[in-house]
Amino acid sequence: MKKVILLVVALAVVALAYVTIQSVLAPVSFDKKQKEIEAVLQKQLKKIATYEDAYKSVYNKYANKEELTAFLTNGRIFYIRAEGDYTSDMRDKGLSEEDAARQGLIRRDTIWVSAKDSLLKDGTDIAKLFTIPNNPDSSIQVVASFIKQEVGDTEIEVPVFQASASYYSYLLPLGNERRIKEKVEAANAKTNAFAGLRVGSLSEVKTNGNWE
């Protein structure tokens, strides 16, 4: 009987040690996987921000997901081909850059090219651009809007956008909902924080990521 008790105690000690070790290793393993997923997502979000800037250069506003997809598939962007320098001597003579171009002193041509051929020449697949890497049933959310800003005595509308992936969208497949809840609560406790990754903002003019 004594041997049985000792065996049970020994097994209990082993089990407790295992649980203790797992309680330490599980969050470490979870955080490591999170960083790997976020490294991929950050690249996707930065690409989306670049494409949004290209879209804005043409339409003077930002795009939602459908508009951005259509733009990258069938849209066009422009480049300014410049030949000759607009010099201080021209400016001293009262010539604007447009005047100098009209007189043939410099050349400024607008060249239109395919957005797809120009922006996606690195092999980016539009079909996968918005997909969460470890969760194909979820996707990056893209919203475009306008906010009001005062410039002197005038109030103007300024275009903004936000592309985002919430913690839940890419961490749920990893399990450990307790760890996810902790991260969400920590983010929500901060002012203007977002529980996940995002570029841009719908409340201020910015195009960088919240991890930068």
N, C-alpha and C. Protein backbone atom coordinates (compact mmCIF):
# COMPACT_ATOMS: atom_id res chain seq x y z
N MET A 1 0.83 -1.21 0.00
CA MET A 1 0.00 0.00 0.00
C MET A 1 0.87 1.27 0.00
N LYS A 2 1.94 1.20 0.80
CA LYS A 2 2.85 2.34 0.87
C LYS A 2 3.48 2.63 -0.49
N LYS A 3 3.82 1.55 -1.22
CA LYS A 3 4.43 1.72 -2.54
C LYS A 3 3.45 2.36 -3.52
N VAL A 4 2.17 1.97 -3.38
CA VAL A 4 1.14 2.53 -4.25
C VAL A 4 1.00 4.03 -4.00
N ILE A 5 1.01 4.39 -2.72
CA ILE A 5 0.88 5.82 -2.37
C ILE A 5 2.07 6.61 -2.90
N LEU A 6 3.26 6.03 -2.73
CA LEU A 6 4.46 6.70 -3.22
C LEU A 6 4.42 6.87 -4.74
N LEU A 7 3.90 5.84 -5.42
CA LEU A 7 3.79 5.90 -6.88
C LEU A 7 2.82 6.99 -7.31
N VAL A 8 1.68 7.07 -6.62
CA VAL A 8 0.68 8.08 -6.93
C VAL A 8 1.25 9.47 -6.70
N VAL A 9 1.96 9.63 -5.59
CA VAL A 9 2.58 10.94 -5.29
C VAL A 9 3.61 11.30 -6.35
N ALA A 10 4.42 10.30 -6.75
CA ALA A 10 5.43 10.55 -7.77
C ALA A 10 4.79 10.97 -9.09
N LEU A 11 3.70 10.29 -9.46
CA LEU A 11 2.99 10.63 -10.71
C LEU A 11 2.39 12.02 -10.62
N ALA A 12 1.89 12.36 -9.42
CA ALA A 12 1.30 13.69 -9.22
C ALA A 12 2.36 14.77 -9.36
N VAL A 13 3.55 14.50 -8.82
CA VAL A 13 4.65 15.45 -8.92
C VAL A 13 5.06 15.64 -10.37
N VAL A 14 5.16 14.52 -11.11
CA VAL A 14 5.52 14.59 -12.53
C VAL A 14 4.47 15.39 -13.31
N ALA A 15 3.20 15.09 -13.01
CA ALA A 15 2.12 15.79 -13.71
C ALA A 15 2.14 17.28 -13.41
N LEU A 16 2.38 17.62 -12.14
CA LEU A 16 2.45 19.03 -11.76
C LEU A 16 3.62 19.73 -12.43
N ALA A 17 4.76 19.02 -12.50
CA ALA A 17 5.93 19.59 -13.16
C ALA A 17 5.66 19.82 -14.64
N TYR A 18 4.95 18.87 -15.27
CA TYR A 18 4.62 18.99 -16.70
C TYR A 18 3.71 20.19 -16.93
N VAL A 19 2.69 20.31 -16.07
CA VAL A 19 1.75 21.41 -16.22
C VAL A 19 2.46 22.75 -16.02
N THR A 20 3.36 22.80 -15.04
CA THR A 20 4.12 24.03 -14.77
C THR A 20 4.99 24.41 -15.95
N ILE A 21 5.69 23.42 -16.50
CA ILE A 21 6.56 23.68 -17.66
C ILE A 21 5.74 24.15 -18.86
N GLN A 22 4.60 23.47 -19.08
CA GLN A 22 3.74 23.85 -20.21
C GLN A 22 3.18 25.25 -20.04
N SER A 23 2.87 25.62 -18.79
CA SER A 23 2.33 26.96 -18.55
C SER A 23 3.35 28.05 -18.89
N VAL A 24 4.63 27.68 -18.84
CA VAL A 24 5.69 28.62 -19.19
C VAL A 24 5.99 28.57 -20.68
N LEU A 25 6.06 27.35 -21.23
CA LEU A 25 6.45 27.18 -22.63
C LEU A 25 5.33 27.55 -23.61
N ALA A 26 4.08 27.28 -23.23
CA ALA A 26 2.96 27.54 -24.15
C ALA A 26 2.89 29.00 -24.59
N PRO A 27 2.93 29.97 -23.66
CA PRO A 27 2.91 31.38 -24.10
C PRO A 27 4.12 31.75 -24.95
N VAL A 28 5.28 31.17 -24.64
CA VAL A 28 6.49 31.47 -25.41
C VAL A 28 6.33 30.96 -26.84
N SER A 29 5.82 29.74 -26.96
CA SER A 29 5.59 29.15 -28.29
C SER A 29 4.53 29.94 -29.05
N PHE A 30 3.48 30.34 -28.35
CA PHE A 30 2.39 31.12 -28.95
C PHE A 30 2.93 32.44 -29.49
N ASP A 31 3.71 33.16 -28.67
CA ASP A 31 4.25 34.46 -29.07
C ASP A 31 5.20 34.33 -30.26
N LYS A 32 5.94 33.23 -30.32
CA LYS A 32 6.86 33.01 -31.43
C LYS A 32 6.08 32.83 -32.74
N LYS A 33 5.01 32.04 -32.68
CA LYS A 33 4.19 31.82 -33.87
C LYS A 33 3.49 33.12 -34.27
N GLN A 34 3.08 33.90 -33.28
CA GLN A 34 2.44 35.18 -33.57
C GLN A 34 3.39 36.09 -34.35
N LYS A 35 4.64 36.18 -33.93
CA LYS A 35 5.62 37.02 -34.61
C LYS A 35 5.83 36.57 -36.05
N GLU A 36 5.85 35.26 -36.28
CA GLU A 36 6.04 34.73 -37.63
C GLU A 36 4.88 35.12 -38.54
N ILE A 37 3.66 35.01 -38.02
CA ILE A 37 2.48 35.37 -38.80
C ILE A 37 2.44 36.88 -39.05
N GLU A 38 2.76 37.65 -38.03
CA GLU A 38 2.71 39.10 -38.15
C GLU A 38 3.77 39.63 -39.11
N ALA A 39 4.89 38.94 -39.24
CA ALA A 39 5.92 39.37 -40.20
C ALA A 39 5.37 39.33 -41.61
N VAL A 40 4.58 38.29 -41.90
CA VAL A 40 3.95 38.16 -43.24
C VAL A 40 2.86 39.21 -43.40
N LEU A 41 2.04 39.37 -42.39
CA LEU A 41 0.94 40.33 -42.46
C LEU A 41 1.43 41.76 -42.61
N GLN A 42 2.50 42.09 -41.94
CA GLN A 42 3.05 43.44 -42.03
C GLN A 42 3.47 43.77 -43.47
N LYS A 43 4.05 42.79 -44.15
CA LYS A 43 4.44 43.00 -45.55
C LYS A 43 3.20 43.22 -46.42
N GLN A 44 2.15 42.43 -46.16
CA GLN A 44 0.91 42.59 -46.92
C GLN A 44 0.31 43.98 -46.69
N LEU A 45 0.27 44.40 -45.45
CA LEU A 45 -0.33 45.69 -45.12
C LEU A 45 0.47 46.85 -45.71
N LYS A 46 1.80 46.73 -45.71
CA LYS A 46 2.64 47.77 -46.31
C LYS A 46 2.41 47.85 -47.82
N LYS A 47 2.22 46.70 -48.45
CA LYS A 47 1.92 46.70 -49.88
C LYS A 47 0.59 47.39 -50.15
N ILE A 48 -0.41 47.07 -49.33
CA ILE A 48 -1.72 47.68 -49.50
C ILE A 48 -1.61 49.19 -49.35
N ALA A 49 -0.81 49.66 -48.39
CA ALA A 49 -0.61 51.10 -48.20
C ALA A 49 0.02 51.73 -49.44
N THR A 50 0.98 51.03 -50.04
CA THR A 50 1.63 51.52 -51.27
C THR A 50 0.63 51.62 -52.41
N TYR A 51 -0.21 50.60 -52.54
CA TYR A 51 -1.22 50.59 -53.59
C TYR A 51 -2.27 51.68 -53.35
N GLU A 52 -2.60 51.92 -52.09
CA GLU A 52 -3.55 52.98 -51.75
C GLU A 52 -3.00 54.34 -52.16
N ASP A 53 -1.71 54.57 -51.93
CA ASP A 53 -1.09 55.83 -52.34
C ASP A 53 -1.15 56.01 -53.86
N ALA A 54 -0.93 54.90 -54.59
CA ALA A 54 -0.99 54.95 -56.05
C ALA A 54 -2.41 55.28 -56.51
N TYR A 55 -3.39 54.65 -55.86
CA TYR A 55 -4.79 54.91 -56.19
C TYR A 55 -5.14 56.38 -55.93
N LYS A 56 -4.68 56.90 -54.80
CA LYS A 56 -4.98 58.29 -54.44
C LYS A 56 -4.34 59.27 -55.42
N SER A 57 -3.16 58.92 -55.96
CA SER A 57 -2.50 59.82 -56.90
C SER A 57 -3.33 60.00 -58.18
N VAL A 58 -4.19 59.02 -58.46
CA VAL A 58 -5.03 59.09 -59.66
C VAL A 58 -6.41 59.67 -59.34
N TYR A 59 -7.01 59.23 -58.24
CA TYR A 59 -8.41 59.59 -57.96
C TYR A 59 -8.58 60.60 -56.82
N ASN A 60 -7.47 60.98 -56.18
CA ASN A 60 -7.51 61.95 -55.08
C ASN A 60 -8.39 61.48 -53.92
N LYS A 61 -8.45 60.20 -53.72
CA LYS A 61 -9.12 59.59 -52.58
C LYS A 61 -8.56 58.18 -52.42
N TYR A 62 -8.88 57.55 -51.32
CA TYR A 62 -8.44 56.18 -51.11
C TYR A 62 -9.53 55.20 -51.51
N ALA A 63 -9.17 53.93 -51.57
CA ALA A 63 -10.08 52.91 -52.08
C ALA A 63 -10.47 51.89 -51.01
N ASN A 64 -11.68 51.36 -51.13
CA ASN A 64 -12.02 50.20 -50.32
C ASN A 64 -11.46 48.96 -51.01
N LYS A 65 -11.70 47.80 -50.45
CA LYS A 65 -11.08 46.58 -50.98
C LYS A 65 -11.50 46.31 -52.43
N GLU A 66 -12.77 46.47 -52.73
CA GLU A 66 -13.26 46.19 -54.08
C GLU A 66 -12.67 47.17 -55.10
N GLU A 67 -12.65 48.45 -54.73
CA GLU A 67 -12.10 49.47 -55.63
C GLU A 67 -10.60 49.25 -55.86
N LEU A 68 -9.89 48.89 -54.80
CA LEU A 68 -8.45 48.68 -54.93
C LEU A 68 -8.16 47.45 -55.79
N THR A 69 -8.96 46.40 -55.63
CA THR A 69 -8.79 45.20 -56.45
C THR A 69 -9.02 45.51 -57.92
N ALA A 70 -10.07 46.28 -58.22
CA ALA A 70 -10.37 46.66 -59.61
C ALA A 70 -9.25 47.52 -60.18
N PHE A 71 -8.73 48.42 -59.37
CA PHE A 71 -7.64 49.30 -59.81
C PHE A 71 -6.40 48.49 -60.15
N LEU A 72 -6.04 47.54 -59.30
CA LEU A 72 -4.85 46.73 -59.53
C LEU A 72 -5.02 45.76 -60.70
N THR A 73 -6.26 45.45 -61.01
CA THR A 73 -6.54 44.52 -62.11
C THR A 73 -6.61 45.23 -63.46
N ASN A 74 -7.33 46.34 -63.50
CA ASN A 74 -7.57 47.00 -64.79
C ASN A 74 -7.22 48.49 -64.83
N GLY A 75 -6.76 49.05 -63.72
CA GLY A 75 -6.52 50.49 -63.67
C GLY A 75 -5.20 50.93 -64.28
N ARG A 76 -4.99 52.24 -64.30
CA ARG A 76 -3.75 52.81 -64.82
C ARG A 76 -3.20 53.84 -63.83
N ILE A 77 -1.90 54.01 -63.82
CA ILE A 77 -1.26 55.06 -63.05
C ILE A 77 -0.38 55.87 -63.99
N PHE A 78 0.04 57.03 -63.53
CA PHE A 78 0.84 57.88 -64.41
C PHE A 78 2.18 58.23 -63.78
N TYR A 79 3.14 58.45 -64.64
CA TYR A 79 4.46 58.94 -64.26
C TYR A 79 4.74 60.23 -65.02
N ILE A 80 5.50 61.10 -64.42
CA ILE A 80 5.92 62.32 -65.11
C ILE A 80 7.34 62.12 -65.62
N ARG A 81 7.50 62.11 -66.94
CA ARG A 81 8.83 62.00 -67.54
C ARG A 81 9.42 63.40 -67.67
N ALA A 82 10.54 63.62 -67.01
CA ALA A 82 11.15 64.95 -66.97
C ALA A 82 12.45 64.99 -67.76
N GLU A 83 12.55 65.99 -68.62
CA GLU A 83 13.80 66.23 -69.35
C GLU A 83 14.15 67.70 -69.18
N GLY A 84 15.36 67.97 -68.73
CA GLY A 84 15.80 69.35 -68.48
C GLY A 84 15.45 69.79 -67.08
N ASP A 85 16.19 70.73 -66.57
CA ASP A 85 16.00 71.22 -65.20
C ASP A 85 15.36 72.60 -65.19
N TYR A 86 14.44 72.79 -64.27
CA TYR A 86 13.84 74.10 -64.05
C TYR A 86 14.82 74.88 -63.18
N THR A 87 15.46 75.86 -63.75
CA THR A 87 16.58 76.54 -63.08
C THR A 87 16.15 77.83 -62.38
N SER A 88 17.04 78.33 -61.53
CA SER A 88 16.79 79.60 -60.83
C SER A 88 16.79 80.75 -61.83
N ASP A 89 17.55 80.61 -62.92
CA ASP A 89 17.58 81.65 -63.95
C ASP A 89 16.20 81.78 -64.61
N MET A 90 15.55 80.65 -64.88
CA MET A 90 14.20 80.68 -65.44
C MET A 90 13.24 81.34 -64.46
N ARG A 91 13.38 80.99 -63.19
CA ARG A 91 12.50 81.57 -62.17
C ARG A 91 12.73 83.07 -62.05
N ASP A 92 14.00 83.52 -62.14
CA ASP A 92 14.31 84.95 -62.05
C ASP A 92 13.72 85.72 -63.22
N LYS A 93 13.55 85.03 -64.34
CA LYS A 93 12.97 85.67 -65.52
C LYS A 93 11.44 85.66 -65.47
N GLY A 94 10.89 85.13 -64.39
CA GLY A 94 9.43 85.13 -64.23
C GLY A 94 8.75 83.96 -64.89
N LEU A 95 9.53 82.95 -65.27
CA LEU A 95 8.95 81.77 -65.91
C LEU A 95 8.60 80.72 -64.87
N SER A 96 7.36 80.27 -64.92
CA SER A 96 6.99 79.13 -64.08
C SER A 96 7.48 77.87 -64.78
N GLU A 97 7.40 76.74 -64.09
CA GLU A 97 7.82 75.49 -64.71
C GLU A 97 6.94 75.16 -65.91
N GLU A 98 5.64 75.50 -65.80
CA GLU A 98 4.72 75.28 -66.93
C GLU A 98 5.10 76.16 -68.12
N ASP A 99 5.49 77.42 -67.84
CA ASP A 99 5.90 78.34 -68.91
C ASP A 99 7.15 77.79 -69.62
N ALA A 100 8.10 77.32 -68.82
CA ALA A 100 9.34 76.78 -69.40
C ALA A 100 9.05 75.58 -70.27
N ALA A 101 8.07 74.75 -69.86
CA ALA A 101 7.72 73.57 -70.65
C ALA A 101 7.05 73.99 -71.95
N ARG A 102 6.17 75.00 -71.88
CA ARG A 102 5.49 75.47 -73.09
C ARG A 102 6.47 76.07 -74.09
N GLN A 103 7.54 76.69 -73.58
CA GLN A 103 8.54 77.29 -74.46
C GLN A 103 9.58 76.28 -74.93
N GLY A 104 9.45 75.05 -74.49
CA GLY A 104 10.38 74.02 -74.94
C GLY A 104 11.72 74.04 -74.23
N LEU A 105 11.83 74.80 -73.15
CA LEU A 105 13.10 74.85 -72.42
C LEU A 105 13.30 73.60 -71.57
N ILE A 106 12.21 73.03 -71.13
CA ILE A 106 12.24 71.74 -70.43
C ILE A 106 11.08 70.90 -70.96
N ARG A 107 11.07 69.64 -70.60
CA ARG A 107 10.00 68.77 -71.07
C ARG A 107 9.40 67.99 -69.91
N ARG A 108 8.08 68.01 -69.81
CA ARG A 108 7.36 67.28 -68.79
C ARG A 108 6.20 66.54 -69.45
N ASP A 109 6.33 65.23 -69.56
CA ASP A 109 5.29 64.42 -70.20
C ASP A 109 4.64 63.48 -69.18
N THR A 110 3.33 63.35 -69.27
CA THR A 110 2.60 62.41 -68.41
C THR A 110 2.48 61.08 -69.14
N ILE A 111 3.02 60.03 -68.56
CA ILE A 111 3.00 58.70 -69.16
C ILE A 111 2.07 57.80 -68.36
N TRP A 112 1.04 57.27 -69.00
CA TRP A 112 0.10 56.37 -68.35
C TRP A 112 0.50 54.92 -68.61
N VAL A 113 0.51 54.13 -67.53
CA VAL A 113 0.87 52.71 -67.66
C VAL A 113 -0.12 51.86 -66.86
N SER A 114 -0.12 50.57 -67.14
CA SER A 114 -0.99 49.64 -66.43
C SER A 114 -0.58 49.55 -64.96
N ALA A 115 -1.56 49.72 -64.07
CA ALA A 115 -1.28 49.58 -62.63
C ALA A 115 -0.79 48.17 -62.31
N LYS A 116 -1.37 47.20 -62.94
CA LYS A 116 -0.98 45.80 -62.70
C LYS A 116 0.47 45.57 -63.09
N ASP A 117 0.85 46.03 -64.28
CA ASP A 117 2.22 45.80 -64.75
C ASP A 117 3.24 46.59 -63.93
N SER A 118 2.85 47.74 -63.44
CA SER A 118 3.79 48.57 -62.70
C SER A 118 3.89 48.20 -61.22
N LEU A 119 2.73 48.01 -60.58
CA LEU A 119 2.71 47.80 -59.13
C LEU A 119 2.87 46.35 -58.71
N LEU A 120 2.50 45.43 -59.60
CA LEU A 120 2.53 44.02 -59.23
C LEU A 120 3.65 43.25 -59.94
N LYS A 121 4.66 43.97 -60.41
CA LYS A 121 5.73 43.31 -61.15
C LYS A 121 6.61 42.43 -60.27
N ASP A 122 6.43 42.54 -58.95
CA ASP A 122 7.19 41.67 -58.05
C ASP A 122 6.54 40.30 -57.88
N GLY A 123 5.43 40.08 -58.59
CA GLY A 123 4.77 38.78 -58.54
C GLY A 123 3.64 38.69 -57.53
N THR A 124 3.26 39.81 -56.94
CA THR A 124 2.16 39.80 -55.96
C THR A 124 0.88 39.28 -56.59
N ASP A 125 0.23 38.33 -55.91
CA ASP A 125 -1.01 37.73 -56.38
C ASP A 125 -2.18 38.49 -55.74
N ILE A 126 -2.97 39.16 -56.57
CA ILE A 126 -4.09 39.94 -56.04
C ILE A 126 -5.05 39.05 -55.26
N ALA A 127 -5.23 37.81 -55.71
CA ALA A 127 -6.17 36.90 -55.05
C ALA A 127 -5.75 36.59 -53.61
N LYS A 128 -4.45 36.72 -53.32
CA LYS A 128 -3.96 36.40 -51.97
C LYS A 128 -3.59 37.65 -51.16
N LEU A 129 -3.68 38.81 -51.78
CA LEU A 129 -3.22 40.04 -51.13
C LEU A 129 -3.95 40.31 -49.82
N PHE A 130 -5.25 40.05 -49.76
CA PHE A 130 -6.03 40.37 -48.57
C PHE A 130 -6.28 39.18 -47.66
N THR A 131 -5.75 38.03 -48.00
CA THR A 131 -6.01 36.81 -47.23
C THR A 131 -5.09 36.72 -46.01
N ILE A 132 -5.66 36.39 -44.84
CA ILE A 132 -4.86 36.15 -43.64
C ILE A 132 -4.04 34.90 -43.88
N PRO A 133 -2.71 34.95 -43.75
CA PRO A 133 -1.83 33.84 -44.15
C PRO A 133 -2.14 32.49 -43.52
N ASN A 134 -2.53 32.47 -42.25
CA ASN A 134 -2.79 31.19 -41.59
C ASN A 134 -4.29 30.92 -41.40
N ASN A 135 -5.12 31.76 -42.03
CA ASN A 135 -6.56 31.62 -41.88
C ASN A 135 -7.27 32.05 -43.17
N PRO A 136 -7.30 31.18 -44.17
CA PRO A 136 -7.87 31.55 -45.48
C PRO A 136 -9.35 31.91 -45.45
N ASP A 137 -10.03 31.60 -44.34
CA ASP A 137 -11.45 31.96 -44.23
C ASP A 137 -11.63 33.39 -43.73
N SER A 138 -10.54 34.05 -43.40
CA SER A 138 -10.61 35.43 -42.93
C SER A 138 -9.76 36.32 -43.83
N SER A 139 -9.99 37.61 -43.78
CA SER A 139 -9.26 38.50 -44.68
C SER A 139 -8.97 39.85 -44.04
N ILE A 140 -8.01 40.55 -44.60
CA ILE A 140 -7.67 41.90 -44.17
C ILE A 140 -8.83 42.83 -44.54
N GLN A 141 -9.23 43.66 -43.60
CA GLN A 141 -10.32 44.60 -43.83
C GLN A 141 -9.76 45.93 -44.33
N VAL A 142 -10.37 46.47 -45.38
CA VAL A 142 -9.92 47.74 -45.95
C VAL A 142 -11.10 48.70 -46.03
N VAL A 143 -10.95 49.85 -45.37
CA VAL A 143 -12.02 50.85 -45.35
C VAL A 143 -11.44 52.19 -45.77
N ALA A 144 -12.17 52.91 -46.62
CA ALA A 144 -11.77 54.25 -47.06
C ALA A 144 -12.84 55.25 -46.64
N SER A 145 -12.39 56.44 -46.25
CA SER A 145 -13.35 57.44 -45.80
C SER A 145 -12.73 58.83 -45.93
N PHE A 146 -13.39 59.82 -45.32
CA PHE A 146 -12.90 61.19 -45.27
C PHE A 146 -13.06 61.71 -43.85
N ILE A 147 -12.14 62.56 -43.44
CA ILE A 147 -12.29 63.24 -42.16
C ILE A 147 -12.18 64.75 -42.40
N LYS A 148 -12.78 65.53 -41.52
CA LYS A 148 -12.76 66.97 -41.68
C LYS A 148 -11.58 67.58 -40.94
N GLN A 149 -10.91 68.50 -41.58
CA GLN A 149 -9.80 69.22 -40.97
C GLN A 149 -9.94 70.71 -41.27
N GLU A 150 -9.49 71.50 -40.33
CA GLU A 150 -9.55 72.95 -40.50
C GLU A 150 -8.23 73.46 -41.05
N VAL A 151 -8.30 74.20 -42.13
CA VAL A 151 -7.13 74.85 -42.73
C VAL A 151 -7.43 76.34 -42.74
N GLY A 152 -6.85 77.05 -41.78
CA GLY A 152 -7.19 78.46 -41.63
C GLY A 152 -8.63 78.59 -41.20
N ASP A 153 -9.41 79.33 -41.96
CA ASP A 153 -10.82 79.51 -41.65
C ASP A 153 -11.70 78.53 -42.43
N THR A 154 -11.06 77.64 -43.17
CA THR A 154 -11.81 76.73 -44.03
C THR A 154 -11.76 75.30 -43.48
N GLU A 155 -12.86 74.61 -43.59
CA GLU A 155 -12.92 73.20 -43.20
C GLU A 155 -12.94 72.36 -44.47
N ILE A 156 -11.99 71.46 -44.58
CA ILE A 156 -11.91 70.62 -45.78
C ILE A 156 -12.03 69.14 -45.39
N GLU A 157 -12.38 68.33 -46.38
CA GLU A 157 -12.46 66.89 -46.17
C GLU A 157 -11.17 66.25 -46.70
N VAL A 158 -10.52 65.47 -45.88
CA VAL A 158 -9.26 64.83 -46.23
C VAL A 158 -9.47 63.32 -46.32
N PRO A 159 -9.01 62.69 -47.41
CA PRO A 159 -9.19 61.24 -47.54
C PRO A 159 -8.31 60.46 -46.57
N VAL A 160 -8.84 59.38 -46.03
CA VAL A 160 -8.11 58.49 -45.14
C VAL A 160 -8.48 57.04 -45.48
N PHE A 161 -7.67 56.12 -45.03
CA PHE A 161 -7.99 54.70 -45.19
C PHE A 161 -7.41 53.93 -44.02
N GLN A 162 -7.91 52.72 -43.86
CA GLN A 162 -7.36 51.82 -42.85
C GLN A 162 -7.45 50.38 -43.37
N ALA A 163 -6.33 49.68 -43.34
CA ALA A 163 -6.28 48.25 -43.66
C ALA A 163 -5.86 47.54 -42.39
N SER A 164 -6.63 46.55 -41.97
CA SER A 164 -6.37 45.96 -40.66
C SER A 164 -6.65 44.46 -40.60
N ALA A 165 -5.98 43.82 -39.64
CA ALA A 165 -6.21 42.41 -39.33
C ALA A 165 -6.25 42.30 -37.81
N SER A 166 -7.38 41.90 -37.26
CA SER A 166 -7.53 41.82 -35.80
C SER A 166 -6.79 40.60 -35.25
N TYR A 167 -6.49 40.66 -33.96
CA TYR A 167 -5.86 39.50 -33.30
C TYR A 167 -6.68 38.23 -33.54
N TYR A 168 -7.99 38.35 -33.39
CA TYR A 168 -8.84 37.17 -33.53
C TYR A 168 -8.73 36.56 -34.93
N SER A 169 -8.57 37.40 -35.95
CA SER A 169 -8.54 36.90 -37.32
C SER A 169 -7.34 36.02 -37.61
N TYR A 170 -6.20 36.30 -36.94
CA TYR A 170 -5.01 35.50 -37.23
C TYR A 170 -4.43 34.73 -36.05
N LEU A 171 -4.98 34.94 -34.85
CA LEU A 171 -4.47 34.20 -33.70
C LEU A 171 -5.38 33.05 -33.27
N LEU A 172 -6.66 33.12 -33.61
CA LEU A 172 -7.57 32.04 -33.22
C LEU A 172 -7.11 30.66 -33.71
N PRO A 173 -6.57 30.56 -34.96
CA PRO A 173 -6.11 29.24 -35.41
C PRO A 173 -4.99 28.65 -34.55
N LEU A 174 -4.33 29.48 -33.75
CA LEU A 174 -3.26 28.98 -32.89
C LEU A 174 -3.79 28.38 -31.59
N GLY A 175 -5.09 28.56 -31.32
CA GLY A 175 -5.64 28.09 -30.06
C GLY A 175 -5.29 29.07 -28.94
N ASN A 176 -5.37 28.61 -27.71
CA ASN A 176 -5.01 29.41 -26.54
C ASN A 176 -5.80 30.72 -26.49
N GLU A 177 -7.11 30.57 -26.38
CA GLU A 177 -7.99 31.75 -26.36
C GLU A 177 -7.71 32.65 -25.16
N ARG A 178 -7.22 32.06 -24.07
CA ARG A 178 -6.88 32.87 -22.91
C ARG A 178 -5.78 33.86 -23.24
N ARG A 179 -4.76 33.39 -23.97
CA ARG A 179 -3.65 34.26 -24.36
C ARG A 179 -4.13 35.36 -25.31
N ILE A 180 -5.03 35.01 -26.22
CA ILE A 180 -5.57 35.98 -27.15
C ILE A 180 -6.35 37.06 -26.40
N LYS A 181 -7.16 36.62 -25.44
CA LYS A 181 -7.96 37.56 -24.64
C LYS A 181 -7.05 38.52 -23.90
N GLU A 182 -5.94 38.03 -23.38
CA GLU A 182 -5.00 38.89 -22.66
C GLU A 182 -4.45 39.97 -23.58
N LYS A 183 -4.11 39.59 -24.81
CA LYS A 183 -3.54 40.54 -25.77
C LYS A 183 -4.59 41.57 -26.20
N VAL A 184 -5.82 41.13 -26.40
CA VAL A 184 -6.89 42.05 -26.79
C VAL A 184 -7.16 43.05 -25.66
N GLU A 185 -7.23 42.56 -24.44
CA GLU A 185 -7.49 43.44 -23.30
C GLU A 185 -6.36 44.44 -23.11
N ALA A 186 -5.12 44.00 -23.33
CA ALA A 186 -3.97 44.90 -23.19
C ALA A 186 -4.01 46.01 -24.23
N ALA A 187 -4.41 45.67 -25.45
CA ALA A 187 -4.51 46.66 -26.52
C ALA A 187 -5.65 47.63 -26.25
N ASN A 188 -6.79 47.11 -25.80
CA ASN A 188 -7.95 47.96 -25.55
C ASN A 188 -7.74 48.92 -24.38
N ALA A 189 -6.79 48.59 -23.53
CA ALA A 189 -6.50 49.45 -22.38
C ALA A 189 -5.71 50.69 -22.77
N LYS A 190 -5.15 50.68 -23.98
CA LYS A 190 -4.35 51.81 -24.45
C LYS A 190 -5.21 52.76 -25.29
N THR A 191 -4.92 54.02 -25.21
CA THR A 191 -5.66 55.02 -25.98
C THR A 191 -5.35 54.90 -27.47
N ASN A 192 -6.41 54.87 -28.29
CA ASN A 192 -6.29 54.80 -29.75
C ASN A 192 -5.51 53.59 -30.25
N ALA A 193 -5.40 52.55 -29.42
CA ALA A 193 -4.70 51.34 -29.84
C ALA A 193 -5.66 50.44 -30.64
N PHE A 194 -5.10 49.51 -31.36
CA PHE A 194 -5.90 48.57 -32.15
C PHE A 194 -5.45 47.16 -31.77
N ALA A 195 -6.41 46.29 -31.51
CA ALA A 195 -6.10 44.92 -31.11
C ALA A 195 -5.77 44.08 -32.34
N GLY A 196 -4.58 44.29 -32.85
CA GLY A 196 -4.14 43.59 -34.06
C GLY A 196 -3.15 44.46 -34.82
N LEU A 197 -3.09 44.25 -36.13
CA LEU A 197 -2.20 45.04 -36.98
C LEU A 197 -3.03 45.92 -37.92
N ARG A 198 -2.53 47.11 -38.17
CA ARG A 198 -3.22 47.98 -39.11
C ARG A 198 -2.25 48.98 -39.72
N VAL A 199 -2.58 49.45 -40.91
CA VAL A 199 -1.91 50.60 -41.51
C VAL A 199 -2.98 51.65 -41.76
N GLY A 200 -2.57 52.91 -41.68
CA GLY A 200 -3.54 53.97 -41.87
C GLY A 200 -4.40 54.18 -40.63
N SER A 201 -5.41 55.02 -40.77
CA SER A 201 -6.30 55.34 -39.67
C SER A 201 -7.56 56.00 -40.23
N LEU A 202 -8.68 55.81 -39.56
CA LEU A 202 -9.91 56.47 -39.97
C LEU A 202 -10.19 57.72 -39.14
N SER A 203 -9.27 58.04 -38.21
CA SER A 203 -9.48 59.21 -37.37
C SER A 203 -8.37 60.25 -37.51
N GLU A 204 -7.27 59.90 -38.17
CA GLU A 204 -6.19 60.85 -38.41
C GLU A 204 -5.50 60.53 -39.73
N VAL A 205 -4.79 61.52 -40.25
CA VAL A 205 -4.13 61.35 -41.55
C VAL A 205 -2.78 60.66 -41.34
N LYS A 206 -2.71 59.39 -41.68
CA LYS A 206 -1.46 58.64 -41.54
C LYS A 206 -1.55 57.40 -42.42
N THR A 207 -0.40 56.93 -42.88
CA THR A 207 -0.39 55.74 -43.73
C THR A 207 0.60 54.69 -43.22
N ASN A 208 1.22 54.93 -42.07
CA ASN A 208 2.18 53.97 -41.53
C ASN A 208 1.47 52.90 -40.70
N GLY A 209 2.21 51.87 -40.30
CA GLY A 209 1.64 50.77 -39.53
C GLY A 209 1.73 51.01 -38.03
N ASN A 210 0.83 50.39 -37.25
CA ASN A 210 0.85 50.60 -35.80
C ASN A 210 1.97 49.82 -35.11
N TRP A 211 2.75 49.06 -35.87
CA TRP A 211 3.90 48.36 -35.28
C TRP A 211 5.20 49.15 -35.52
N GLU A 212 5.12 50.24 -36.28
CA GLU A 212 6.32 51.02 -36.63
C GLU A 212 6.61 52.11 -35.61
